[in-house]
N, C-alpha and C. Protein backbone atom coordinates (compact mmCIF):
# COMPACT_ATOMS: atom_id res chain seq x y z
N MET A 1 96.84 -3.85 60.42
CA MET A 1 96.43 -4.84 59.89
C MET A 1 94.96 -4.61 60.31
N GLY A 2 93.99 -4.95 61.71
CA GLY A 2 92.99 -4.76 61.89
C GLY A 2 92.06 -3.69 61.16
N GLU A 3 92.85 -2.71 61.66
CA GLU A 3 92.12 -1.16 60.67
C GLU A 3 92.34 -1.87 59.02
N GLN A 4 92.84 -2.12 59.22
CA GLN A 4 92.86 -2.31 57.05
C GLN A 4 91.75 -3.12 56.71
N ARG A 5 91.64 -4.38 57.53
CA ARG A 5 90.70 -5.78 57.18
C ARG A 5 89.49 -5.17 57.59
N GLY A 6 89.08 -4.02 59.16
CA GLY A 6 87.99 -3.19 59.31
C GLY A 6 87.60 -2.46 57.37
N LYS A 7 88.28 -1.65 57.16
CA LYS A 7 87.87 -1.17 55.88
C LYS A 7 87.41 -1.45 54.55
N VAL A 8 88.37 -3.14 54.27
CA VAL A 8 87.54 -3.74 53.85
C VAL A 8 86.01 -4.28 53.84
N ILE A 9 86.07 -4.33 55.40
CA ILE A 9 84.70 -5.26 55.26
C ILE A 9 83.28 -4.41 54.95
N PHE A 10 84.10 -3.04 55.04
CA PHE A 10 83.24 -1.83 55.30
C PHE A 10 82.78 -1.93 53.85
N ILE A 11 84.08 -1.56 53.04
CA ILE A 11 83.64 -1.27 51.14
C ILE A 11 82.95 -2.45 51.50
N VAL A 12 83.04 -4.64 51.50
CA VAL A 12 82.40 -4.44 50.79
C VAL A 12 81.18 -4.72 51.34
N VAL A 13 80.22 -4.14 52.93
CA VAL A 13 79.11 -4.46 52.55
C VAL A 13 78.18 -3.26 52.29
N LEU A 14 79.04 -2.31 51.53
CA LEU A 14 78.55 -0.51 51.30
C LEU A 14 78.52 -1.30 49.98
N ALA A 15 79.44 -1.69 49.52
CA ALA A 15 78.94 -2.58 47.91
C ALA A 15 77.63 -3.43 47.72
N ILE A 16 77.93 -4.11 48.80
CA ILE A 16 76.34 -5.37 48.63
C ILE A 16 75.16 -4.23 48.71
N LEU A 17 74.98 -3.14 49.53
CA LEU A 17 74.31 -2.63 49.94
C LEU A 17 73.22 -1.65 48.79
N ILE A 18 74.55 -1.00 47.77
CA ILE A 18 74.26 -0.55 47.17
C ILE A 18 74.06 -1.29 45.37
N VAL A 19 74.41 -2.27 45.49
CA VAL A 19 74.02 -3.41 44.63
C VAL A 19 72.83 -3.66 45.15
N THR A 20 72.56 -3.81 46.33
CA THR A 20 71.55 -4.97 46.40
C THR A 20 70.07 -3.71 46.42
N GLY A 21 70.28 -2.11 46.98
CA GLY A 21 69.52 -1.26 46.51
C GLY A 21 69.09 -1.35 45.39
N SER A 22 69.71 -0.68 44.32
CA SER A 22 69.72 -0.95 42.77
C SER A 22 69.32 -1.59 42.24
N PHE A 23 69.17 -3.26 42.41
CA PHE A 23 68.25 -4.57 42.06
C PHE A 23 66.70 -4.28 42.65
N TYR A 24 66.98 -3.91 43.55
CA TYR A 24 65.18 -3.58 44.39
C TYR A 24 64.11 -2.25 43.39
N SER A 25 65.37 -0.98 43.89
CA SER A 25 64.49 -0.15 42.74
C SER A 25 64.54 -0.25 41.13
N PHE A 26 65.16 -1.83 40.41
CA PHE A 26 64.85 -1.84 39.28
C PHE A 26 63.79 -2.30 39.30
N TRP A 27 63.30 -3.34 39.91
CA TRP A 27 62.31 -4.63 39.93
C TRP A 27 60.89 -3.87 40.88
N GLN A 28 60.99 -3.00 41.53
CA GLN A 28 59.76 -2.04 41.82
C GLN A 28 59.59 -1.22 40.65
N LYS A 29 60.11 -0.27 39.74
CA LYS A 29 59.87 -0.20 38.38
C LYS A 29 58.97 -0.69 37.92
N ASN A 30 59.82 -1.93 37.43
CA ASN A 30 59.72 -3.16 36.74
C ASN A 30 57.49 -3.53 36.93
N SER A 31 57.66 -3.87 38.15
CA SER A 31 56.34 -4.57 38.77
C SER A 31 55.19 -2.75 38.53
N VAL A 32 55.70 -2.15 39.42
CA VAL A 32 54.76 -1.05 38.75
C VAL A 32 55.03 -0.50 37.33
N ASN A 33 55.17 -0.75 36.44
CA ASN A 33 55.43 -0.43 35.27
C ASN A 33 53.85 -1.79 34.42
N GLU A 34 54.08 -2.84 34.92
CA GLU A 34 53.93 -3.75 33.99
C GLU A 34 52.11 -4.15 34.88
N SER A 35 52.14 -3.46 36.53
CA SER A 35 50.66 -3.41 36.66
C SER A 35 49.96 -2.08 36.47
N THR A 36 50.82 -1.15 36.08
CA THR A 36 50.50 0.47 35.24
C THR A 36 49.80 0.15 33.62
N SER A 37 50.91 -0.58 32.82
CA SER A 37 50.52 -1.39 31.33
C SER A 37 49.19 -2.06 31.57
N SER A 38 48.90 -3.36 32.61
CA SER A 38 48.01 -4.15 32.61
C SER A 38 46.85 -3.05 32.76
N GLY A 39 46.69 -2.67 33.99
CA GLY A 39 45.56 -1.50 34.43
C GLY A 39 44.83 -1.07 33.09
N ASP A 40 46.10 -0.35 32.13
CA ASP A 40 45.35 0.88 31.27
C ASP A 40 44.66 -0.49 30.18
N ALA A 41 45.53 -1.57 29.82
CA ALA A 41 45.15 -2.35 29.15
C ALA A 41 43.43 -3.26 29.75
N LEU A 42 42.91 -2.84 30.65
CA LEU A 42 41.90 -3.47 31.64
C LEU A 42 41.05 -2.03 31.00
N VAL A 43 41.01 -1.61 31.63
CA VAL A 43 40.66 0.52 31.46
C VAL A 43 39.71 0.75 29.74
N LYS A 44 41.40 0.98 28.68
CA LYS A 44 41.03 0.51 27.31
C LYS A 44 39.83 -0.66 26.81
N GLY A 45 40.32 -1.82 27.16
CA GLY A 45 39.83 -3.15 26.46
C GLY A 45 37.83 -2.61 27.20
N ALA A 46 37.98 -1.82 28.48
CA ALA A 46 36.37 -2.36 28.57
C ALA A 46 35.88 -0.66 28.51
N LYS A 47 36.64 0.35 27.56
CA LYS A 47 35.86 1.27 27.24
C LYS A 47 35.75 0.91 25.55
N VAL A 48 36.30 -0.18 24.46
CA VAL A 48 35.92 -0.42 23.60
C VAL A 48 34.83 -1.50 23.23
N ALA A 49 34.74 -2.16 24.71
CA ALA A 49 33.74 -2.95 24.94
C ALA A 49 32.19 -2.05 25.41
N GLU A 50 32.37 -1.41 25.94
CA GLU A 50 30.67 -0.82 25.84
C GLU A 50 30.84 0.14 25.01
N GLU A 51 31.87 0.43 24.08
CA GLU A 51 31.06 1.05 22.97
C GLU A 51 30.58 0.05 21.50
N LYS A 52 31.66 -1.28 21.94
CA LYS A 52 30.52 -2.31 21.24
C LYS A 52 29.40 -2.45 21.22
N THR A 53 29.23 -2.31 22.99
CA THR A 53 27.55 -3.19 23.32
C THR A 53 26.08 -1.94 23.21
N SER A 54 27.23 -0.76 23.36
CA SER A 54 25.83 0.71 23.05
C SER A 54 25.07 0.93 22.22
N GLU A 55 23.50 1.34 22.40
CA GLU A 55 23.29 1.16 21.42
C GLU A 55 22.40 2.34 21.04
N ILE A 56 22.03 2.30 19.29
CA ILE A 56 21.54 3.92 19.35
C ILE A 56 20.98 3.58 18.77
N ILE A 57 19.85 4.66 18.23
CA ILE A 57 18.33 5.02 17.62
C ILE A 57 18.78 5.44 16.59
N VAL A 58 18.14 4.86 14.78
CA VAL A 58 17.95 5.54 13.80
C VAL A 58 16.86 5.75 13.35
N TYR A 59 16.25 5.93 12.84
CA TYR A 59 15.57 6.90 11.73
C TYR A 59 15.28 6.50 10.37
N ILE A 60 15.55 5.14 9.26
CA ILE A 60 15.51 5.28 8.23
C ILE A 60 13.83 5.78 7.24
N SER A 61 13.97 6.71 6.57
CA SER A 61 12.62 6.43 5.51
C SER A 61 13.25 6.41 4.04
N GLY A 62 12.07 6.61 3.11
CA GLY A 62 11.93 6.73 1.55
C GLY A 62 12.05 5.42 1.23
N ALA A 63 12.91 5.50 0.46
CA ALA A 63 13.25 3.94 -1.06
C ALA A 63 14.52 3.23 -0.47
N VAL A 64 13.09 2.66 0.46
CA VAL A 64 13.95 0.97 1.22
C VAL A 64 12.24 0.60 1.51
N ASN A 65 12.91 -1.10 2.12
CA ASN A 65 11.90 -2.41 1.42
C ASN A 65 10.63 -2.31 3.18
N LYS A 66 11.42 -1.83 4.27
CA LYS A 66 10.30 -1.34 5.50
C LYS A 66 11.05 -0.36 6.30
N PRO A 67 10.76 1.08 5.89
CA PRO A 67 11.69 2.13 6.49
C PRO A 67 10.74 2.33 8.14
N GLY A 68 11.51 2.69 8.51
CA GLY A 68 10.85 3.11 10.41
C GLY A 68 12.05 3.01 11.07
N VAL A 69 12.11 2.79 12.67
CA VAL A 69 13.33 3.30 13.85
C VAL A 69 13.91 2.15 13.81
N PHE A 70 15.03 1.91 13.89
CA PHE A 70 16.21 0.80 14.29
C PHE A 70 17.02 0.97 14.82
N LYS A 71 17.28 -0.17 16.30
CA LYS A 71 18.33 0.24 17.14
C LYS A 71 19.26 -0.41 16.59
N LEU A 72 20.49 -0.37 16.47
CA LEU A 72 21.18 -0.05 15.51
C LEU A 72 22.64 -0.37 17.51
N PHE A 73 24.27 -0.99 16.38
CA PHE A 73 25.07 -0.73 17.46
C PHE A 73 25.50 0.56 17.34
N ASN A 74 26.33 0.86 18.29
CA ASN A 74 27.14 2.19 18.35
C ASN A 74 28.37 2.05 17.12
N ASN A 75 29.18 2.99 16.23
CA ASN A 75 29.94 2.72 15.15
C ASN A 75 28.85 1.86 14.50
N ALA A 76 27.69 1.70 14.14
CA ALA A 76 27.31 1.10 12.41
C ALA A 76 27.25 2.28 11.72
N ARG A 77 27.36 1.51 10.44
CA ARG A 77 26.86 1.95 9.43
C ARG A 77 25.60 2.37 8.19
N VAL A 78 25.61 3.35 7.04
CA VAL A 78 24.08 3.44 6.91
C VAL A 78 23.87 2.06 6.18
N ILE A 79 24.46 1.06 5.40
CA ILE A 79 24.33 -0.04 5.04
C ILE A 79 24.02 -0.86 5.72
N ASP A 80 24.57 -1.01 7.34
CA ASP A 80 24.00 -1.65 8.61
C ASP A 80 22.33 -1.10 8.64
N LEU A 81 22.08 -0.15 8.86
CA LEU A 81 20.60 0.64 8.88
C LEU A 81 19.63 -0.02 7.56
N VAL A 82 20.61 0.03 6.41
CA VAL A 82 19.61 -0.43 5.10
C VAL A 82 19.65 -2.10 5.40
N THR A 83 20.46 -2.02 5.52
CA THR A 83 19.77 -4.61 5.78
C THR A 83 19.09 -3.91 6.57
N MET A 84 18.91 -3.87 8.16
CA MET A 84 17.72 -4.07 9.06
C MET A 84 16.65 -3.35 8.21
N ALA A 85 16.55 -2.41 6.81
CA ALA A 85 15.29 -1.70 6.97
C ALA A 85 14.86 -2.67 5.25
N GLY A 86 15.34 -3.76 6.08
CA GLY A 86 14.84 -4.75 4.25
C GLY A 86 15.49 -4.63 2.76
N GLY A 87 16.56 -4.15 3.16
CA GLY A 87 17.37 -3.76 1.90
C GLY A 87 16.71 -2.81 0.94
N LEU A 88 17.28 -2.19 -0.13
CA LEU A 88 17.02 -0.68 -0.62
C LEU A 88 16.35 -1.03 -1.69
N ALA A 89 15.17 -0.50 -1.94
CA ALA A 89 14.11 -0.29 -2.79
C ALA A 89 14.25 -0.53 -4.16
N PRO A 90 13.54 -1.19 -5.29
CA PRO A 90 13.79 -1.03 -6.77
C PRO A 90 14.67 0.88 -7.25
N GLU A 91 13.69 1.46 -6.66
CA GLU A 91 13.34 3.05 -7.42
C GLU A 91 14.60 3.85 -6.44
N ALA A 92 15.46 3.07 -6.22
CA ALA A 92 16.31 3.45 -4.78
C ALA A 92 17.16 4.22 -5.79
N ASP A 93 17.81 5.64 -4.92
CA ASP A 93 19.10 5.47 -6.33
C ASP A 93 20.47 6.17 -4.91
N VAL A 94 20.91 4.88 -6.02
CA VAL A 94 22.97 4.16 -4.74
C VAL A 94 22.93 5.97 -4.66
N SER A 95 23.32 6.56 -6.00
CA SER A 95 24.02 7.88 -6.01
C SER A 95 23.95 8.97 -5.15
N LYS A 96 22.67 9.24 -3.86
CA LYS A 96 22.67 9.72 -3.83
C LYS A 96 23.08 9.60 -1.83
N ILE A 97 23.05 8.15 -2.20
CA ILE A 97 23.91 8.17 -0.59
C ILE A 97 24.87 7.30 0.19
N ASN A 98 25.25 7.99 1.41
CA ASN A 98 26.89 6.83 1.74
C ASN A 98 27.11 6.03 2.37
N MET A 99 26.87 4.91 1.60
CA MET A 99 26.55 3.72 2.53
C MET A 99 27.30 3.45 3.23
N ALA A 100 28.96 3.88 3.58
CA ALA A 100 30.23 3.64 4.47
C ALA A 100 29.57 4.96 5.62
N GLN A 101 28.52 5.77 5.84
CA GLN A 101 29.17 6.82 6.23
C GLN A 101 28.34 5.74 8.36
N LEU A 102 29.13 6.87 9.14
CA LEU A 102 28.15 6.26 10.42
C LEU A 102 27.68 6.65 11.09
N VAL A 103 26.39 6.28 11.39
CA VAL A 103 25.48 6.58 12.13
C VAL A 103 25.39 7.21 13.61
N LYS A 104 24.86 8.29 13.82
CA LYS A 104 24.31 8.72 15.68
C LYS A 104 23.21 8.76 15.55
N ASP A 105 23.49 8.17 17.19
CA ASP A 105 22.14 7.88 17.91
C ASP A 105 20.92 9.23 17.43
N GLY A 106 20.04 8.93 16.84
CA GLY A 106 18.96 10.28 17.02
C GLY A 106 18.81 10.48 15.37
N MET A 107 19.48 10.08 14.12
CA MET A 107 19.81 10.07 13.13
C MET A 107 18.13 10.06 12.35
N HIS A 108 18.49 10.72 11.25
CA HIS A 108 17.43 10.97 9.99
C HIS A 108 17.84 10.18 8.80
N ILE A 109 18.09 9.16 8.09
CA ILE A 109 18.20 8.83 6.91
C ILE A 109 17.05 8.79 6.00
N ASN A 110 17.19 9.26 4.60
CA ASN A 110 16.22 9.37 3.95
C ASN A 110 16.78 9.10 2.21
N VAL A 111 16.39 8.50 2.26
CA VAL A 111 16.75 7.22 0.80
C VAL A 111 16.24 7.53 -0.30
N VAL A 112 16.40 8.79 -1.03
CA VAL A 112 15.64 9.56 -1.75
C VAL A 112 15.80 7.85 -3.35
N ALA A 113 14.74 7.82 -4.26
CA ALA A 113 14.60 7.66 -5.31
C ALA A 113 14.63 8.37 -6.77
N ARG A 114 15.24 7.09 -7.16
CA ARG A 114 14.67 7.90 -8.90
C ARG A 114 13.75 8.74 -9.21
N PRO A 115 13.87 9.29 -10.20
CA PRO A 115 13.25 9.73 -10.43
C PRO A 115 11.89 9.29 -12.03
N VAL A 116 11.18 9.11 -12.25
CA VAL A 116 10.67 8.06 -13.29
C VAL A 116 9.13 9.15 -13.71
N MET A 117 8.96 8.93 -15.08
CA MET A 117 8.16 9.39 -15.87
C MET A 117 7.67 8.78 -15.61
N LEU A 118 5.83 9.31 -15.87
CA LEU A 118 3.97 8.51 -15.64
C LEU A 118 3.72 9.33 -17.53
N GLY A 119 2.95 8.10 -17.33
CA GLY A 119 1.84 8.61 -18.31
C GLY A 119 2.84 9.43 -19.50
N GLY A 120 2.13 10.55 -19.72
CA GLY A 120 2.25 11.93 -21.32
C GLY A 120 3.36 12.22 -20.48
N GLY A 121 4.17 12.15 -19.52
CA GLY A 121 5.41 12.58 -19.07
C GLY A 121 5.31 14.15 -18.28
N ASP A 122 4.06 14.28 -18.27
CA ASP A 122 4.31 15.71 -17.12
C ASP A 122 3.62 15.95 -15.64
N ILE A 123 4.03 14.23 -15.27
CA ILE A 123 4.35 14.24 -13.76
C ILE A 123 5.23 13.25 -13.44
N LEU A 124 6.09 13.97 -12.70
CA LEU A 124 7.98 13.27 -12.63
C LEU A 124 7.32 12.71 -10.44
N VAL A 125 7.89 11.74 -10.61
CA VAL A 125 7.06 10.92 -9.49
C VAL A 125 8.83 10.74 -8.75
N ASN A 126 9.36 10.72 -7.76
CA ASN A 126 10.22 10.11 -7.20
C ASN A 126 9.70 9.76 -5.82
N ALA A 127 9.65 8.52 -5.39
CA ALA A 127 9.27 7.86 -4.38
C ALA A 127 9.41 8.93 -3.02
N GLY A 128 8.31 9.38 -2.90
CA GLY A 128 8.32 10.48 -1.43
C GLY A 128 8.66 11.80 -2.05
N LYS A 129 9.13 11.98 -3.28
CA LYS A 129 9.60 13.26 -3.42
C LYS A 129 8.84 13.38 -5.19
N ALA A 130 7.77 13.88 -5.09
CA ALA A 130 6.62 14.34 -5.86
C ALA A 130 6.67 15.68 -6.66
N LYS A 131 7.28 15.46 -7.32
CA LYS A 131 7.05 17.31 -8.31
C LYS A 131 5.69 17.40 -9.39
N ALA A 132 4.38 17.58 -8.66
CA ALA A 132 3.25 17.52 -9.88
C ALA A 132 3.00 19.05 -10.67
N SER A 133 3.51 19.41 -11.60
CA SER A 133 3.92 20.68 -12.48
C SER A 133 4.99 21.22 -11.65
N ASN A 134 4.79 22.24 -10.53
CA ASN A 134 6.19 23.10 -10.40
C ASN A 134 6.65 22.88 -8.98
N LYS A 135 5.27 22.13 -7.84
CA LYS A 135 5.76 21.87 -7.18
C LYS A 135 6.73 20.92 -6.27
N ILE A 136 7.50 22.02 -5.13
CA ILE A 136 8.65 21.01 -4.59
C ILE A 136 7.91 20.18 -3.48
N ASN A 137 8.27 19.20 -3.44
CA ASN A 137 8.38 17.97 -1.82
C ASN A 137 9.12 18.58 -0.68
N ILE A 138 8.90 19.33 0.26
CA ILE A 138 9.66 19.90 0.92
C ILE A 138 10.34 18.90 1.98
N ASN A 139 9.61 17.50 2.38
CA ASN A 139 9.58 17.21 2.92
C ASN A 139 10.80 16.37 2.28
N THR A 140 10.91 15.98 1.27
CA THR A 140 12.25 15.23 0.37
C THR A 140 12.78 16.20 -0.68
N ALA A 141 12.84 16.68 -0.86
CA ALA A 141 13.71 17.77 -2.15
C ALA A 141 15.24 17.31 -1.38
N ASP A 142 15.68 18.01 -2.47
CA ASP A 142 17.16 17.42 -2.22
C ASP A 142 17.61 19.41 -2.31
N LYS A 143 18.83 18.94 -2.22
CA LYS A 143 19.83 21.07 -2.17
C LYS A 143 18.92 21.04 -3.34
N SER A 144 19.19 20.83 -4.44
CA SER A 144 19.31 21.77 -5.44
C SER A 144 17.95 21.87 -5.63
N ASP A 145 16.66 21.14 -5.74
CA ASP A 145 15.38 21.07 -5.10
C ASP A 145 15.37 22.91 -4.88
N LEU A 146 15.31 22.22 -3.26
CA LEU A 146 15.25 24.04 -2.88
C LEU A 146 15.14 24.81 -2.92
N ASP A 147 17.16 25.18 -3.56
CA ASP A 147 17.20 26.01 -4.47
C ASP A 147 16.55 26.68 -5.05
N ALA A 148 16.23 25.51 -5.88
CA ALA A 148 15.11 26.72 -6.83
C ALA A 148 14.53 27.04 -6.64
N LEU A 149 13.62 26.65 -5.44
CA LEU A 149 12.77 28.15 -4.62
C LEU A 149 13.03 29.27 -4.68
N PRO A 150 11.82 30.65 -5.06
CA PRO A 150 12.54 31.52 -5.02
C PRO A 150 12.80 31.97 -3.98
N GLY A 151 13.36 32.94 -3.85
CA GLY A 151 14.54 33.34 -1.97
C GLY A 151 15.33 32.34 -1.72
N VAL A 152 15.51 31.02 -2.04
CA VAL A 152 16.07 30.18 -1.03
C VAL A 152 17.84 29.86 -2.19
N GLY A 153 18.49 30.35 -1.60
CA GLY A 153 19.82 29.90 -2.07
C GLY A 153 20.35 28.85 -1.22
N PRO A 154 21.89 28.17 -1.96
CA PRO A 154 22.26 27.31 -1.52
C PRO A 154 22.43 27.23 0.15
N SER A 155 22.45 27.94 0.76
CA SER A 155 23.17 28.35 2.32
C SER A 155 20.99 27.85 3.17
N LEU A 156 20.32 28.35 2.30
CA LEU A 156 19.16 28.07 2.98
C LEU A 156 18.25 26.86 2.65
N ALA A 157 19.02 26.12 1.80
CA ALA A 157 18.41 25.23 1.22
C ALA A 157 19.30 24.51 2.13
N GLU A 158 20.46 24.34 2.55
CA GLU A 158 21.23 23.41 3.95
C GLU A 158 20.64 23.21 5.08
N ARG A 159 20.02 24.56 5.49
CA ARG A 159 19.05 25.03 6.96
C ARG A 159 18.30 23.92 6.95
N ILE A 160 17.21 24.45 5.58
CA ILE A 160 16.10 23.45 5.28
C ILE A 160 16.45 22.14 5.32
N MET A 161 17.53 21.02 4.53
CA MET A 161 17.71 20.03 5.01
C MET A 161 18.09 19.80 6.06
N GLU A 162 18.21 20.34 7.04
CA GLU A 162 19.22 20.51 8.82
C GLU A 162 17.45 20.43 9.63
N TYR A 163 17.10 21.70 9.26
CA TYR A 163 16.17 21.80 9.98
C TYR A 163 15.02 20.23 10.27
N ARG A 164 15.12 19.74 8.89
CA ARG A 164 14.47 18.23 8.93
C ARG A 164 14.83 17.56 8.94
N GLN A 165 16.38 17.07 9.22
CA GLN A 165 16.79 16.39 9.60
C GLN A 165 16.79 16.42 11.44
N ALA A 166 16.98 17.28 11.79
CA ALA A 166 16.72 17.35 13.26
C ALA A 166 15.49 16.94 13.61
N ASN A 167 14.40 17.88 13.14
CA ASN A 167 13.04 18.02 13.64
C ASN A 167 12.45 16.67 12.61
N GLY A 168 13.05 16.09 11.71
CA GLY A 168 11.77 15.15 11.74
C GLY A 168 11.21 15.43 10.20
N THR A 169 10.53 15.31 9.79
CA THR A 169 10.00 16.15 8.25
C THR A 169 8.14 16.77 8.68
N PHE A 170 8.22 18.06 8.21
CA PHE A 170 7.16 18.90 8.13
C PHE A 170 5.29 18.37 7.90
N SER A 171 4.87 19.00 8.86
CA SER A 171 3.77 18.79 8.72
C SER A 171 2.38 19.44 8.14
N ASP A 172 3.13 20.14 7.75
CA ASP A 172 2.35 21.46 7.47
C ASP A 172 3.66 22.60 6.39
N ILE A 173 3.43 22.70 5.10
CA ILE A 173 4.23 24.31 5.32
C ILE A 173 4.08 25.19 5.24
N ASN A 174 3.64 25.82 6.61
CA ASN A 174 3.26 26.64 7.46
C ASN A 174 4.57 26.60 8.75
N GLU A 175 5.11 25.67 8.57
CA GLU A 175 6.32 25.07 10.00
C GLU A 175 7.55 25.57 9.00
N LEU A 176 7.59 25.50 7.69
CA LEU A 176 8.90 25.86 6.82
C LEU A 176 9.23 27.59 7.43
N LYS A 177 8.48 28.51 8.12
CA LYS A 177 8.62 29.57 8.59
C LYS A 177 10.05 29.19 10.11
N LYS A 178 10.20 28.79 10.91
CA LYS A 178 10.73 28.14 11.11
C LYS A 178 12.25 27.76 11.08
N VAL A 179 12.14 27.93 9.76
CA VAL A 179 13.60 27.44 9.60
C VAL A 179 14.57 29.02 9.55
N GLN A 180 15.26 29.09 10.80
CA GLN A 180 15.70 30.34 10.32
C GLN A 180 16.70 30.49 8.81
N GLY A 181 15.89 31.86 8.45
CA GLY A 181 15.80 32.71 7.24
C GLY A 181 14.16 32.80 6.62
N ILE A 182 13.76 32.70 7.03
CA ILE A 182 12.84 32.39 6.41
C ILE A 182 11.26 33.26 7.23
N GLY A 183 11.14 34.33 6.79
CA GLY A 183 9.97 34.81 7.25
C GLY A 183 8.68 34.63 6.55
N PRO A 184 7.71 35.73 7.29
CA PRO A 184 6.75 36.00 6.45
C PRO A 184 6.91 36.57 4.62
N SER A 185 7.26 37.06 4.13
CA SER A 185 7.68 37.41 3.13
C SER A 185 8.46 36.44 2.28
N LYS A 186 9.12 36.11 2.62
CA LYS A 186 9.73 34.75 1.85
C LYS A 186 9.44 33.66 1.96
N PHE A 187 8.39 33.36 2.87
CA PHE A 187 7.52 32.15 2.55
C PHE A 187 6.40 32.63 1.82
N GLU A 188 5.57 34.15 1.70
CA GLU A 188 4.58 34.17 0.64
C GLU A 188 5.06 33.90 -0.62
N LYS A 189 6.27 34.10 -1.19
CA LYS A 189 7.26 33.63 -2.42
C LYS A 189 6.86 32.54 -2.48
N MET A 190 6.72 31.85 -1.61
CA MET A 190 7.41 29.76 -2.32
C MET A 190 6.66 29.31 -1.89
N LYS A 191 5.07 29.52 -1.48
CA LYS A 191 4.15 29.04 -0.73
C LYS A 191 3.47 28.00 -1.95
N ASP A 192 3.33 28.99 -3.04
CA ASP A 192 1.74 28.52 -3.70
C ASP A 192 3.39 27.54 -4.62
N LYS A 193 4.23 27.08 -4.37
CA LYS A 193 5.65 26.13 -4.64
C LYS A 193 5.80 25.28 -4.29
N ILE A 194 5.38 24.85 -3.30
CA ILE A 194 5.82 23.86 -2.00
C ILE A 194 4.58 22.68 -2.10
N THR A 195 5.11 21.45 -1.62
CA THR A 195 3.81 20.78 -1.23
C THR A 195 4.36 20.15 0.06
N LEU A 196 3.47 19.07 0.54
CA LEU A 196 3.58 18.05 1.21
C LEU A 196 4.23 16.39 0.70
């Protein structure tokens, strides 16, 4: 009888230890998961706050009321930049600008103006994009205008625009030779058809 009682006590103690160990293990996993998820939430919250508070600097020119360099919050859009620049000028061509585009640090946004005929109709003015006779303003011309230059195709027109975006406006027409694909002979063909 004493031997049987000892076996029952052993089984009861063993069962209590197993149940206690299971509860402890379950409790440990839950507390680790809760601390990990709250820690992850804090890290994510800090990253979001950092993204919202970091500033970027963007340049806007062309058909806006106050062109210039502006500080914006990260994740700002072109419409935010246009608002800071006093809004669009009356001659702005809104079909040529994506107001919903995200702006990035160091970007240059040029708001193109609609063409306006003056006087006898022989001079076409486009706020910053002047075509006097057949000359194209390389600082403000769009892709189709650049593509019309001798020796310039769509891909080279795109490279000219990318160069302008990265380096700002051209200060001398000879600077156009710095664009990859425009050598001295190609420049000679187009130099009489371009202006600043």
